[in-house]
Amino acid sequence: MSLSLSEVTWQKSLSQAIRDPKELISRLKLPENLLKPAMKSVQLFPLMVPESYLNRMEPGNPEDPLLKQILPLELENETVQGFSDDAVGDLNVRHTPGLLHKYQGRALLMVSGACAVHCRYCFRRHYPYGEEPRTLAEWEPVWEALHSDTSIQEIILSGGDPLLLTDIRLQELCKRISEIPHVKRLRIHSRLPVVLPDRIHAGLLELFQQLTAGGVIVWMVIHANHPNEIAGDAEIAIRNMLQAGIPTLNQTVLLKGINDNADTLVKLSEKLINLGVVPYYLHQLDRVTGVAHFEVAEEQGRALVRELRTRLPGYAVPQYVREIAGESHKISLLG
């Protein structure tokens, strides 16, 4: 099957993403003293930022909230007590390669090890993606496990980013999921609607609509941390998903120096609900090695959410949670 024009377009956009810190710093007219630490840090965790996302950053501003999410810093190389490679306990619930079963009634498939943007606070920056299945044959044990466990009603596609799979591969996955009689929902966690918006084309939306029509409801969970991310082509992509009838939630990570103030979080929630997106979770930072400089104190987070409650309708206030390895659900930080 030949690739559609839309498929070629987003793959071309991905191929043109910036991977060189020198190019990033030059394009954004940033101070040259940022280059040396960036070059050191990309040895451990590479840089990746698509043009669309870059175009929403302010040139000449090292404090730009989108830039700070993707700019490699020397702070990532520091060892901080209490931070570890697998802070959320993914490897302890990896029942078979490709399948994480952490919560009752839900199973998570690690369908991709790649992302379109490398968020510097990534909680899976140390995950052993190379050990996950690649070929269709290697996925067979996963399908057998899912068929045999009738308690599973929802499958979550994650990674990496599941929307970096081609439409053909996604169609194959959706077909196998639709053949599991007890699965009623498919949840897709993706940063691409925000950072690589041309991935959300008509053919992809049609695939999700067909799956829903067949009895497996598709839910999209996007990831925006700052209101400046919801703009231009990203706003159009999100609107197109909603107009296609795909219920959409947003997850935000509370990040020091990026969104750790009430005005920013209020504006983000307002942008989301004005589109029809539900602010779902505000995550306390997962304590993964290399991300300690992003951490906001929990008490500050609680105060922020209490203020959000005074300024927003209840449905616009995300749940403030953290994930703790071994727990059977996300833990509310508001009690």
C-alpha atoms as a PDB file:
ATOM      1  CA  MET A   1       0.000   0.000   0.000  1.00  0.00           C
ATOM      2  CA  SER A   2       1.393   3.408  -0.976  1.00  0.00           C
ATOM      3  CA  LEU A   3       1.626   6.217   1.562  1.00  0.00           C
ATOM      4  CA  SER A   4      -1.030   8.925   1.474  1.00  0.00           C
ATOM      5  CA  LEU A   5      -0.036  12.554   1.005  1.00  0.00           C
ATOM      6  CA  SER A   6      -0.945  13.230   4.655  1.00  0.00           C
ATOM      7  CA  GLU A   7       1.280  10.378   5.812  1.00  0.00           C
ATOM      8  CA  VAL A   8       4.191  11.744   3.795  1.00  0.00           C
ATOM      9  CA  THR A   9       3.613  15.270   5.167  1.00  0.00           C
ATOM     10  CA  TRP A  10       3.909  14.412   8.856  1.00  0.00           C
ATOM     11  CA  GLN A  11       6.819  12.048   8.280  1.00  0.00           C
ATOM     12  CA  LYS A  12       8.622  14.820   6.404  1.00  0.00           C
ATOM     13  CA  SER A  13       7.953  17.185   9.315  1.00  0.00           C
ATOM     14  CA  LEU A  14       9.402  14.613  11.695  1.00  0.00           C
ATOM     15  CA  SER A  15      12.517  14.162   9.546  1.00  0.00           C
ATOM     16  CA  GLN A  16      13.120  17.913   9.661  1.00  0.00           C
ATOM     17  CA  ALA A  17      13.009  18.123  13.465  1.00  0.00           C
ATOM     18  CA  ILE A  18      16.027  19.793  15.070  1.00  0.00           C
ATOM     19  CA  ARG A  19      18.459  17.376  16.690  1.00  0.00           C
ATOM     20  CA  ASP A  20      21.589  19.538  16.979  1.00  0.00           C
ATOM     21  CA  PRO A  21      21.890  21.910  19.984  1.00  0.00           C
ATOM     22  CA  LYS A  22      24.026  24.255  17.890  1.00  0.00           C
ATOM     23  CA  GLU A  23      21.224  24.653  15.347  1.00  0.00           C
ATOM     24  CA  LEU A  24      18.650  25.151  18.095  1.00  0.00           C
ATOM     25  CA  ILE A  25      20.673  27.876  19.790  1.00  0.00           C
ATOM     26  CA  SER A  26      21.421  29.574  16.480  1.00  0.00           C
ATOM     27  CA  ARG A  27      17.824  29.467  15.231  1.00  0.00           C
ATOM     28  CA  LEU A  28      16.483  30.962  18.467  1.00  0.00           C
ATOM     29  CA  LYS A  29      19.316  33.488  18.826  1.00  0.00           C
ATOM     30  CA  LEU A  30      20.170  32.216  22.277  1.00  0.00           C
ATOM     31  CA  PRO A  31      23.331  32.972  24.300  1.00  0.00           C
ATOM     32  CA  GLU A  32      26.277  30.893  23.115  1.00  0.00           C
ATOM     33  CA  ASN A  33      27.131  29.856  26.680  1.00  0.00           C
ATOM     34  CA  LEU A  34      24.172  27.467  26.530  1.00  0.00           C
ATOM     35  CA  LEU A  35      25.862  25.365  23.859  1.00  0.00           C
ATOM     36  CA  LYS A  36      28.570  23.580  25.878  1.00  0.00           C
ATOM     37  CA  PRO A  37      26.258  22.168  28.598  1.00  0.00           C
ATOM     38  CA  ALA A  38      23.681  21.260  25.955  1.00  0.00           C
ATOM     39  CA  MET A  39      26.263  19.304  23.957  1.00  0.00           C
ATOM     40  CA  LYS A  40      27.276  17.430  27.108  1.00  0.00           C
ATOM     41  CA  SER A  41      23.719  16.534  28.105  1.00  0.00           C
ATOM     42  CA  VAL A  42      22.610  15.268  24.685  1.00  0.00           C
ATOM     43  CA  GLN A  43      25.175  12.497  25.014  1.00  0.00           C
ATOM     44  CA  LEU A  44      22.846  10.892  27.585  1.00  0.00           C
ATOM     45  CA  PHE A  45      19.451  12.026  26.262  1.00  0.00           C
ATOM     46  CA  PRO A  46      19.251  13.399  22.701  1.00  0.00           C
ATOM     47  CA  LEU A  47      17.634  16.634  21.589  1.00  0.00           C
ATOM     48  CA  MET A  48      14.534  16.470  19.395  1.00  0.00           C
ATOM     49  CA  VAL A  49      12.185  19.352  18.573  1.00  0.00           C
ATOM     50  CA  PRO A  50       9.901  19.726  15.513  1.00  0.00           C
ATOM     51  CA  GLU A  51       9.700  22.981  13.569  1.00  0.00           C
ATOM     52  CA  SER A  52       6.064  23.569  14.528  1.00  0.00           C
ATOM     53  CA  TYR A  53       6.921  23.512  18.219  1.00  0.00           C
ATOM     54  CA  LEU A  54      10.062  25.616  17.691  1.00  0.00           C
ATOM     55  CA  ASN A  55       7.977  28.278  15.937  1.00  0.00           C
ATOM     56  CA  ARG A  56       5.965  28.813  19.121  1.00  0.00           C
ATOM     57  CA  MET A  57       9.101  29.807  21.075  1.00  0.00           C
ATOM     58  CA  GLU A  58      10.249  33.404  21.500  1.00  0.00           C
ATOM     59  CA  PRO A  59      13.638  34.056  19.838  1.00  0.00           C
ATOM     60  CA  GLY A  60      16.277  35.473  22.148  1.00  0.00           C
ATOM     61  CA  ASN A  61      14.497  34.381  25.326  1.00  0.00           C
ATOM     62  CA  PRO A  62      16.324  31.695  27.354  1.00  0.00           C
ATOM     63  CA  GLU A  63      13.357  31.697  29.783  1.00  0.00           C
ATOM     64  CA  ASP A  64      10.778  30.800  27.147  1.00  0.00           C
ATOM     65  CA  PRO A  65       8.539  28.156  28.792  1.00  0.00           C
ATOM     66  CA  LEU A  66       8.507  25.898  25.728  1.00  0.00           C
ATOM     67  CA  LEU A  67      12.267  26.152  25.238  1.00  0.00           C
ATOM     68  CA  LYS A  68      12.882  25.179  28.868  1.00  0.00           C
ATOM     69  CA  GLN A  69      11.006  21.919  28.276  1.00  0.00           C
ATOM     70  CA  ILE A  70      13.399  20.811  25.511  1.00  0.00           C
ATOM     71  CA  LEU A  71      16.740  22.593  26.122  1.00  0.00           C
ATOM     72  CA  PRO A  72      19.421  20.193  27.452  1.00  0.00           C
ATOM     73  CA  LEU A  73      21.080  21.477  30.632  1.00  0.00           C
ATOM     74  CA  GLU A  74      24.079  20.330  32.660  1.00  0.00           C
ATOM     75  CA  LEU A  75      21.759  19.945  35.651  1.00  0.00           C
ATOM     76  CA  GLU A  76      20.505  16.721  34.027  1.00  0.00           C
ATOM     77  CA  ASN A  77      23.853  15.104  34.788  1.00  0.00           C
ATOM     78  CA  GLU A  78      23.650  15.630  38.546  1.00  0.00           C
ATOM     79  CA  THR A  79      22.936  12.739  40.920  1.00  0.00           C
ATOM     80  CA  VAL A  80      20.182  13.688  43.365  1.00  0.00           C
ATOM     81  CA  GLN A  81      19.086  11.503  46.278  1.00  0.00           C
ATOM     82  CA  GLY A  82      15.556  10.157  45.888  1.00  0.00           C
ATOM     83  CA  PHE A  83      15.631  10.139  42.081  1.00  0.00           C
ATOM     84  CA  SER A  84      15.974   6.844  40.198  1.00  0.00           C
ATOM     85  CA  ASP A  85      15.820   5.423  36.666  1.00  0.00           C
ATOM     86  CA  ASP A  86      12.418   3.736  37.129  1.00  0.00           C
ATOM     87  CA  ALA A  87      10.639   5.996  39.589  1.00  0.00           C
ATOM     88  CA  VAL A  88       7.127   4.805  38.688  1.00  0.00           C
ATOM     89  CA  GLY A  89       7.916   1.083  38.788  1.00  0.00           C
ATOM     90  CA  ASP A  90       7.208   0.278  35.136  1.00  0.00           C
ATOM     91  CA  LEU A  91       9.576  -2.677  35.054  1.00  0.00           C
ATOM     92  CA  ASN A  92       7.885  -4.312  38.048  1.00  0.00           C
ATOM     93  CA  VAL A  93       4.571  -4.541  36.168  1.00  0.00           C
ATOM     94  CA  ARG A  94       5.984  -5.621  32.805  1.00  0.00           C
ATOM     95  CA  HIS A  95       4.260  -9.007  32.661  1.00  0.00           C
ATOM     96  CA  THR A  96       5.474  -9.763  29.136  1.00  0.00           C
ATOM     97  CA  PRO A  97       7.545  -7.667  26.710  1.00  0.00           C
ATOM     98  CA  GLY A  98       5.385  -4.816  25.439  1.00  0.00           C
ATOM     99  CA  LEU A  99       2.696  -5.137  28.128  1.00  0.00           C
ATOM    100  CA  LEU A 100       2.480  -3.206  31.410  1.00  0.00           C
ATOM    101  CA  HIS A 101      -0.388  -4.163  33.720  1.00  0.00           C
ATOM    102  CA  LYS A 102      -0.395  -1.691  36.576  1.00  0.00           C
ATOM    103  CA  TYR A 103      -4.064  -0.932  37.264  1.00  0.00           C
ATOM    104  CA  GLN A 104      -7.226  -3.032  37.518  1.00  0.00           C
ATOM    105  CA  GLY A 105      -9.161  -3.265  34.255  1.00  0.00           C
ATOM    106  CA  ARG A 106      -6.509  -1.498  32.169  1.00  0.00           C
ATOM    107  CA  ALA A 107      -3.404  -2.628  30.311  1.00  0.00           C
ATOM    108  CA  LEU A 108      -0.749  -0.474  28.691  1.00  0.00           C
ATOM    109  CA  LEU A 109       1.036  -1.399  25.463  1.00  0.00           C
ATOM    110  CA  MET A 110       4.510  -0.017  24.780  1.00  0.00           C
ATOM    111  CA  VAL A 111       4.014   0.225  21.026  1.00  0.00           C
ATOM    112  CA  SER A 112       6.779   2.712  20.255  1.00  0.00           C
ATOM    113  CA  GLY A 113      10.089   3.733  21.760  1.00  0.00           C
ATOM    114  CA  ALA A 114      10.295   6.958  19.753  1.00  0.00           C
ATOM    115  CA  CYS A 115       8.943  10.461  20.357  1.00  0.00           C
ATOM    116  CA  ALA A 116       8.611  13.550  18.154  1.00  0.00           C
ATOM    117  CA  VAL A 117       9.945  15.757  20.944  1.00  0.00           C
ATOM    118  CA  HIS A 118      12.340  14.907  23.751  1.00  0.00           C
ATOM    119  CA  CYS A 119      10.926  16.491  26.885  1.00  0.00           C
ATOM    120  CA  ARG A 120      13.788  16.944  29.327  1.00  0.00           C
ATOM    121  CA  TYR A 121      11.565  15.919  32.288  1.00  0.00           C
ATOM    122  CA  CYS A 122      10.588  12.618  30.589  1.00  0.00           C
ATOM    123  CA  PHE A 123       9.731   9.921  33.137  1.00  0.00           C
ATOM    124  CA  ARG A 124      10.732   7.158  30.685  1.00  0.00           C
ATOM    125  CA  ARG A 125      14.040   8.636  29.545  1.00  0.00           C
ATOM    126  CA  HIS A 126      15.812   5.525  30.942  1.00  0.00           C
ATOM    127  CA  TYR A 127      13.251   2.902  29.851  1.00  0.00           C
ATOM    128  CA  PRO A 128      14.747  -0.149  28.007  1.00  0.00           C
ATOM    129  CA  TYR A 129      12.766   0.294  24.786  1.00  0.00           C
ATOM    130  CA  GLY A 130      15.182  -1.977  22.937  1.00  0.00           C
ATOM    131  CA  GLU A 131      13.737  -4.951  24.846  1.00  0.00           C
ATOM    132  CA  GLU A 132      10.182  -4.403  23.582  1.00  0.00           C
ATOM    133  CA  PRO A 133       8.640  -6.379  20.679  1.00  0.00           C
ATOM    134  CA  ARG A 134       9.043  -5.024  17.170  1.00  0.00           C
ATOM    135  CA  THR A 135       7.710  -7.546  14.668  1.00  0.00           C
ATOM    136  CA  LEU A 136       4.084  -8.660  14.498  1.00  0.00           C
ATOM    137  CA  ALA A 137       5.154 -12.153  15.557  1.00  0.00           C
ATOM    138  CA  GLU A 138       6.831 -10.785  18.690  1.00  0.00           C
ATOM    139  CA  TRP A 139       3.516  -9.179  19.685  1.00  0.00           C
ATOM    140  CA  GLU A 140       1.642 -12.494  19.729  1.00  0.00           C
ATOM    141  CA  PRO A 141       2.275 -13.200  23.467  1.00  0.00           C
ATOM    142  CA  VAL A 142       0.735  -9.796  24.240  1.00  0.00           C
ATOM    143  CA  TRP A 143      -2.459 -10.595  22.328  1.00  0.00           C
ATOM    144  CA  GLU A 144      -2.670 -13.991  24.016  1.00  0.00           C
ATOM    145  CA  ALA A 145      -2.336 -12.365  27.450  1.00  0.00           C
ATOM    146  CA  LEU A 146      -5.010  -9.778  26.658  1.00  0.00           C
ATOM    147  CA  HIS A 147      -7.455 -12.355  25.306  1.00  0.00           C
ATOM    148  CA  SER A 148      -7.039 -14.532  28.395  1.00  0.00           C
ATOM    149  CA  ASP A 149      -7.598 -11.747  30.946  1.00  0.00           C
ATOM    150  CA  THR A 150     -11.278 -10.860  30.743  1.00  0.00           C
ATOM    151  CA  SER A 151     -10.918  -8.208  33.470  1.00  0.00           C
ATOM    152  CA  ILE A 152      -9.236  -5.865  30.966  1.00  0.00           C
ATOM    153  CA  GLN A 153     -11.750  -3.463  29.452  1.00  0.00           C
ATOM    154  CA  GLU A 154      -9.372  -0.696  28.413  1.00  0.00           C
ATOM    155  CA  ILE A 155      -6.110  -0.740  26.465  1.00  0.00           C
ATOM    156  CA  ILE A 156      -3.746   2.229  26.603  1.00  0.00           C
ATOM    157  CA  LEU A 157      -1.305   2.846  23.753  1.00  0.00           C
ATOM    158  CA  SER A 158       1.854   4.487  25.014  1.00  0.00           C
ATOM    159  CA  GLY A 159       5.605   4.480  24.615  1.00  0.00           C
ATOM    160  CA  GLY A 160       7.391   6.627  23.433  1.00  0.00           C
ATOM    161  CA  ASP A 161       4.580   8.018  21.372  1.00  0.00           C
ATOM    162  CA  PRO A 162       2.092   5.632  19.736  1.00  0.00           C
ATOM    163  CA  LEU A 163       1.197   8.119  16.994  1.00  0.00           C
ATOM    164  CA  LEU A 164       4.705   7.779  15.578  1.00  0.00           C
ATOM    165  CA  LEU A 165       3.551   4.442  14.211  1.00  0.00           C
ATOM    166  CA  THR A 166       2.432   4.590  10.596  1.00  0.00           C
ATOM    167  CA  ASP A 167      -1.265   4.532   9.784  1.00  0.00           C
ATOM    168  CA  ILE A 168      -0.848   1.002   8.460  1.00  0.00           C
ATOM    169  CA  ARG A 169       0.740  -0.226  11.688  1.00  0.00           C
ATOM    170  CA  LEU A 170      -1.873   1.567  13.784  1.00  0.00           C
ATOM    171  CA  GLN A 171      -4.596  -0.032  11.685  1.00  0.00           C
ATOM    172  CA  GLU A 172      -3.105  -3.465  12.392  1.00  0.00           C
ATOM    173  CA  LEU A 173      -3.021  -2.728  16.131  1.00  0.00           C
ATOM    174  CA  CYS A 174      -6.589  -1.433  16.133  1.00  0.00           C
ATOM    175  CA  LYS A 175      -7.775  -4.534  14.286  1.00  0.00           C
ATOM    176  CA  ARG A 176      -6.192  -6.839  16.875  1.00  0.00           C
ATOM    177  CA  ILE A 177      -7.646  -4.774  19.720  1.00  0.00           C
ATOM    178  CA  SER A 178     -11.128  -4.846  18.175  1.00  0.00           C
ATOM    179  CA  GLU A 179     -10.948  -8.652  18.124  1.00  0.00           C
ATOM    180  CA  ILE A 180     -10.713  -8.836  21.941  1.00  0.00           C
ATOM    181  CA  PRO A 181     -14.385  -9.100  22.987  1.00  0.00           C
ATOM    182  CA  HIS A 182     -14.032  -7.718  26.536  1.00  0.00           C
ATOM    183  CA  VAL A 183     -12.075  -4.601  25.516  1.00  0.00           C
ATOM    184  CA  LYS A 184     -14.436  -1.622  25.277  1.00  0.00           C
ATOM    185  CA  ARG A 185     -12.076   1.355  25.262  1.00  0.00           C
ATOM    186  CA  LEU A 186      -8.810   2.357  23.594  1.00  0.00           C
ATOM    187  CA  ARG A 187      -6.913   5.241  25.171  1.00  0.00           C
ATOM    188  CA  ILE A 188      -4.096   6.873  23.215  1.00  0.00           C
ATOM    189  CA  HIS A 189      -1.527   8.978  25.066  1.00  0.00           C
ATOM    190  CA  SER A 190       0.259  11.265  22.639  1.00  0.00           C
ATOM    191  CA  ARG A 191       2.219  14.521  22.586  1.00  0.00           C
ATOM    192  CA  LEU A 192       1.962  14.723  18.780  1.00  0.00           C
ATOM    193  CA  PRO A 193      -1.266  16.759  18.531  1.00  0.00           C
ATOM    194  CA  VAL A 194       0.662  19.473  20.402  1.00  0.00           C
ATOM    195  CA  VAL A 195       4.199  19.167  18.997  1.00  0.00           C
ATOM    196  CA  LEU A 196       3.679  17.634  15.514  1.00  0.00           C
ATOM    197  CA  PRO A 197       0.120  18.679  14.616  1.00  0.00           C
ATOM    198  CA  ASP A 198       0.135  17.531  10.984  1.00  0.00           C
ATOM    199  CA  ARG A 199       0.089  13.955  12.305  1.00  0.00           C
ATOM    200  CA  ILE A 200      -3.614  14.514  13.012  1.00  0.00           C
ATOM    201  CA  HIS A 201      -4.870  14.116   9.446  1.00  0.00           C
ATOM    202  CA  ALA A 202      -8.220  12.959   8.081  1.00  0.00           C
ATOM    203  CA  GLY A 203      -7.124   9.358   7.493  1.00  0.00           C
ATOM    204  CA  LEU A 204      -6.016   8.920  11.089  1.00  0.00           C
ATOM    205  CA  LEU A 205      -9.239  10.384  12.437  1.00  0.00           C
ATOM    206  CA  GLU A 206     -11.255   8.113  10.146  1.00  0.00           C
ATOM    207  CA  LEU A 207      -9.413   5.089  11.568  1.00  0.00           C
ATOM    208  CA  PHE A 208     -10.393   6.093  15.101  1.00  0.00           C
ATOM    209  CA  GLN A 209     -13.984   6.765  14.063  1.00  0.00           C
ATOM    210  CA  GLN A 210     -14.222   3.310  12.490  1.00  0.00           C
ATOM    211  CA  LEU A 211     -12.912   1.679  15.668  1.00  0.00           C
ATOM    212  CA  THR A 212     -15.450   3.569  17.765  1.00  0.00           C
ATOM    213  CA  ALA A 213     -18.260   2.597  15.375  1.00  0.00           C
ATOM    214  CA  GLY A 214     -17.189  -1.023  15.829  1.00  0.00           C
ATOM    215  CA  GLY A 215     -17.685  -0.869  19.595  1.00  0.00           C
ATOM    216  CA  VAL A 216     -14.274   0.191  20.972  1.00  0.00           C
ATOM    217  CA  ILE A 217     -14.470   3.832  22.059  1.00  0.00           C
ATOM    218  CA  VAL A 218     -11.296   5.814  21.317  1.00  0.00           C
ATOM    219  CA  TRP A 219     -10.152   8.383  23.889  1.00  0.00           C
ATOM    220  CA  MET A 220      -7.245  10.732  23.193  1.00  0.00           C
ATOM    221  CA  VAL A 221      -5.041  12.033  25.998  1.00  0.00           C
ATOM    222  CA  ILE A 222      -2.829  14.901  24.904  1.00  0.00           C
ATOM    223  CA  HIS A 223      -0.024  16.521  26.880  1.00  0.00           C
ATOM    224  CA  ALA A 224       0.282  20.302  27.138  1.00  0.00           C
ATOM    225  CA  ASN A 225       2.068  22.031  30.003  1.00  0.00           C
ATOM    226  CA  HIS A 226       1.736  25.678  29.011  1.00  0.00           C
ATOM    227  CA  PRO A 227      -0.909  27.784  27.228  1.00  0.00           C
ATOM    228  CA  ASN A 228       1.627  28.858  24.575  1.00  0.00           C
ATOM    229  CA  GLU A 229       1.596  25.259  23.329  1.00  0.00           C
ATOM    230  CA  ILE A 230      -2.097  25.485  22.411  1.00  0.00           C
ATOM    231  CA  ALA A 231      -1.759  27.789  19.405  1.00  0.00           C
ATOM    232  CA  GLY A 232      -1.691  27.837  15.613  1.00  0.00           C
ATOM    233  CA  ASP A 233      -1.605  24.435  13.926  1.00  0.00           C
ATOM    234  CA  ALA A 234      -1.715  22.629  17.279  1.00  0.00           C
ATOM    235  CA  GLU A 235      -5.015  24.317  18.108  1.00  0.00           C
ATOM    236  CA  ILE A 236      -6.366  23.332  14.690  1.00  0.00           C
ATOM    237  CA  ALA A 237      -5.300  19.701  15.151  1.00  0.00           C
ATOM    238  CA  ILE A 238      -6.994  19.483  18.545  1.00  0.00           C
ATOM    239  CA  ARG A 239     -10.142  21.092  17.190  1.00  0.00           C
ATOM    240  CA  ASN A 240     -10.192  18.576  14.310  1.00  0.00           C
ATOM    241  CA  MET A 241     -10.007  15.658  16.759  1.00  0.00           C
ATOM    242  CA  LEU A 242     -12.915  16.994  18.728  1.00  0.00           C
ATOM    243  CA  GLN A 243     -14.981  17.704  15.628  1.00  0.00           C
ATOM    244  CA  ALA A 244     -14.367  14.090  14.592  1.00  0.00           C
ATOM    245  CA  GLY A 245     -16.094  13.041  17.819  1.00  0.00           C
ATOM    246  CA  ILE A 246     -12.973  11.885  19.700  1.00  0.00           C
ATOM    247  CA  PRO A 247     -13.204  12.727  23.429  1.00  0.00           C
ATOM    248  CA  THR A 248      -9.950  14.398  24.442  1.00  0.00           C
ATOM    249  CA  LEU A 249      -8.284  14.875  27.830  1.00  0.00           C
ATOM    250  CA  ASN A 250      -5.113  16.744  28.747  1.00  0.00           C
ATOM    251  CA  GLN A 251      -2.349  15.861  31.172  1.00  0.00           C
ATOM    252  CA  THR A 252       0.061  18.465  32.536  1.00  0.00           C
ATOM    253  CA  VAL A 253       3.258  18.019  34.530  1.00  0.00           C
ATOM    254  CA  LEU A 254       3.912  20.667  37.179  1.00  0.00           C
ATOM    255  CA  LEU A 255       7.315  22.090  36.225  1.00  0.00           C
ATOM    256  CA  LYS A 256       9.494  24.600  38.057  1.00  0.00           C
ATOM    257  CA  GLY A 257       9.973  27.826  36.135  1.00  0.00           C
ATOM    258  CA  ILE A 258       7.518  26.764  33.422  1.00  0.00           C
ATOM    259  CA  ASN A 259       3.998  26.487  34.833  1.00  0.00           C
ATOM    260  CA  ASP A 260       4.394  26.750  38.612  1.00  0.00           C
ATOM    261  CA  ASN A 261       2.133  29.775  38.942  1.00  0.00           C
ATOM    262  CA  ALA A 262      -1.634  30.092  39.036  1.00  0.00           C
ATOM    263  CA  ASP A 263      -1.967  32.544  36.141  1.00  0.00           C
ATOM    264  CA  THR A 264      -0.284  30.121  33.733  1.00  0.00           C
ATOM    265  CA  LEU A 265      -2.323  27.124  34.879  1.00  0.00           C
ATOM    266  CA  VAL A 266      -5.580  29.088  34.723  1.00  0.00           C
ATOM    267  CA  LYS A 267      -4.835  30.258  31.191  1.00  0.00           C
ATOM    268  CA  LEU A 268      -3.948  26.706  30.132  1.00  0.00           C
ATOM    269  CA  SER A 269      -7.183  25.289  31.532  1.00  0.00           C
ATOM    270  CA  GLU A 270      -9.215  28.049  29.900  1.00  0.00           C
ATOM    271  CA  LYS A 271      -7.611  27.410  26.521  1.00  0.00           C
ATOM    272  CA  LEU A 272      -8.354  23.711  26.857  1.00  0.00           C
ATOM    273  CA  ILE A 273     -11.973  23.974  27.933  1.00  0.00           C
ATOM    274  CA  ASN A 274     -12.681  26.627  25.298  1.00  0.00           C
ATOM    275  CA  LEU A 275     -11.701  24.004  22.727  1.00  0.00           C
ATOM    276  CA  GLY A 276     -13.634  21.234  24.494  1.00  0.00           C
ATOM    277  CA  VAL A 277     -10.637  19.432  26.042  1.00  0.00           C
ATOM    278  CA  VAL A 278     -10.990  18.273  29.652  1.00  0.00           C
ATOM    279  CA  PRO A 279      -8.065  19.152  31.975  1.00  0.00           C
ATOM    280  CA  TYR A 280      -7.513  15.666  33.399  1.00  0.00           C
ATOM    281  CA  TYR A 281      -4.398  15.457  35.566  1.00  0.00           C
ATOM    282  CA  LEU A 282      -1.834  17.851  36.972  1.00  0.00           C
ATOM    283  CA  HIS A 283       1.062  15.498  37.705  1.00  0.00           C
ATOM    284  CA  GLN A 284       3.603  15.986  40.421  1.00  0.00           C
ATOM    285  CA  LEU A 285       6.959  15.391  38.750  1.00  0.00           C
ATOM    286  CA  ASP A 286       8.032  11.745  38.614  1.00  0.00           C
ATOM    287  CA  ARG A 287      11.362  11.543  40.427  1.00  0.00           C
ATOM    288  CA  VAL A 288      13.413  10.167  37.564  1.00  0.00           C
ATOM    289  CA  THR A 289      17.184  10.504  37.357  1.00  0.00           C
ATOM    290  CA  GLY A 290      18.148  13.713  35.561  1.00  0.00           C
ATOM    291  CA  VAL A 291      14.990  15.783  36.146  1.00  0.00           C
ATOM    292  CA  ALA A 292      15.330  17.051  39.727  1.00  0.00           C
ATOM    293  CA  HIS A 293      15.717  20.686  38.634  1.00  0.00           C
ATOM    294  CA  PHE A 294      12.094  20.653  37.411  1.00  0.00           C
ATOM    295  CA  GLU A 295      10.610  19.618  40.763  1.00  0.00           C
ATOM    296  CA  VAL A 296       8.057  21.841  42.520  1.00  0.00           C
ATOM    297  CA  ALA A 297       7.337  21.292  46.217  1.00  0.00           C
ATOM    298  CA  GLU A 298       4.057  19.458  46.838  1.00  0.00           C
ATOM    299  CA  GLU A 299       2.828  22.136  49.224  1.00  0.00           C
ATOM    300  CA  GLN A 300       3.268  24.734  46.500  1.00  0.00           C
ATOM    301  CA  GLY A 301       1.335  22.470  44.132  1.00  0.00           C
ATOM    302  CA  ARG A 302      -1.512  22.162  46.626  1.00  0.00           C
ATOM    303  CA  ALA A 303      -1.668  25.936  47.032  1.00  0.00           C
ATOM    304  CA  LEU A 304      -1.811  26.366  43.260  1.00  0.00           C
ATOM    305  CA  VAL A 305      -4.710  23.948  42.897  1.00  0.00           C
ATOM    306  CA  ARG A 306      -6.583  25.585  45.753  1.00  0.00           C
ATOM    307  CA  GLU A 307      -6.275  28.875  43.866  1.00  0.00           C
ATOM    308  CA  LEU A 308      -7.404  27.253  40.609  1.00  0.00           C
ATOM    309  CA  ARG A 309     -10.572  26.154  42.416  1.00  0.00           C
ATOM    310  CA  THR A 310     -11.384  29.793  43.208  1.00  0.00           C
ATOM    311  CA  ARG A 311     -10.804  30.965  39.634  1.00  0.00           C
ATOM    312  CA  LEU A 312     -12.151  28.170  37.444  1.00  0.00           C
ATOM    313  CA  PRO A 313     -15.305  26.075  37.146  1.00  0.00           C
ATOM    314  CA  GLY A 314     -14.888  22.686  38.793  1.00  0.00           C
ATOM    315  CA  TYR A 315     -14.649  20.772  35.518  1.00  0.00           C
ATOM    316  CA  ALA A 316     -11.672  22.940  34.491  1.00  0.00           C
ATOM    317  CA  VAL A 317      -9.562  22.086  37.556  1.00  0.00           C
ATOM    318  CA  PRO A 318      -7.290  19.069  36.933  1.00  0.00           C
ATOM    319  CA  GLN A 319      -6.774  16.426  39.592  1.00  0.00           C
ATOM    320  CA  TYR A 320      -3.434  16.972  41.335  1.00  0.00           C
ATOM    321  CA  VAL A 321      -1.793  13.556  41.568  1.00  0.00           C
ATOM    322  CA  ARG A 322       1.450  11.685  41.745  1.00  0.00           C
ATOM    323  CA  GLU A 323       2.268   8.147  40.708  1.00  0.00           C
ATOM    324  CA  ILE A 324       3.861   5.908  43.321  1.00  0.00           C
ATOM    325  CA  ALA A 325       5.423   2.611  42.300  1.00  0.00           C
ATOM    326  CA  GLY A 326       3.362  -0.343  43.449  1.00  0.00           C
ATOM    327  CA  GLU A 327       0.163   1.606  44.170  1.00  0.00           C
ATOM    328  CA  SER A 328      -3.055   0.445  42.482  1.00  0.00           C
ATOM    329  CA  HIS A 329      -4.043   3.963  41.380  1.00  0.00           C
ATOM    330  CA  LYS A 330      -2.751   7.520  41.097  1.00  0.00           C
ATOM    331  CA  ILE A 331      -2.453   9.162  44.519  1.00  0.00           C
ATOM    332  CA  SER A 332      -4.355  12.422  45.055  1.00  0.00           C
ATOM    333  CA  LEU A 333      -2.177  15.100  46.611  1.00  0.00           C
ATOM    334  CA  LEU A 334      -5.180  17.020  47.900  1.00  0.00           C
ATOM    335  CA  GLY A 335      -6.451  14.229  50.101  1.00  0.00           C
END
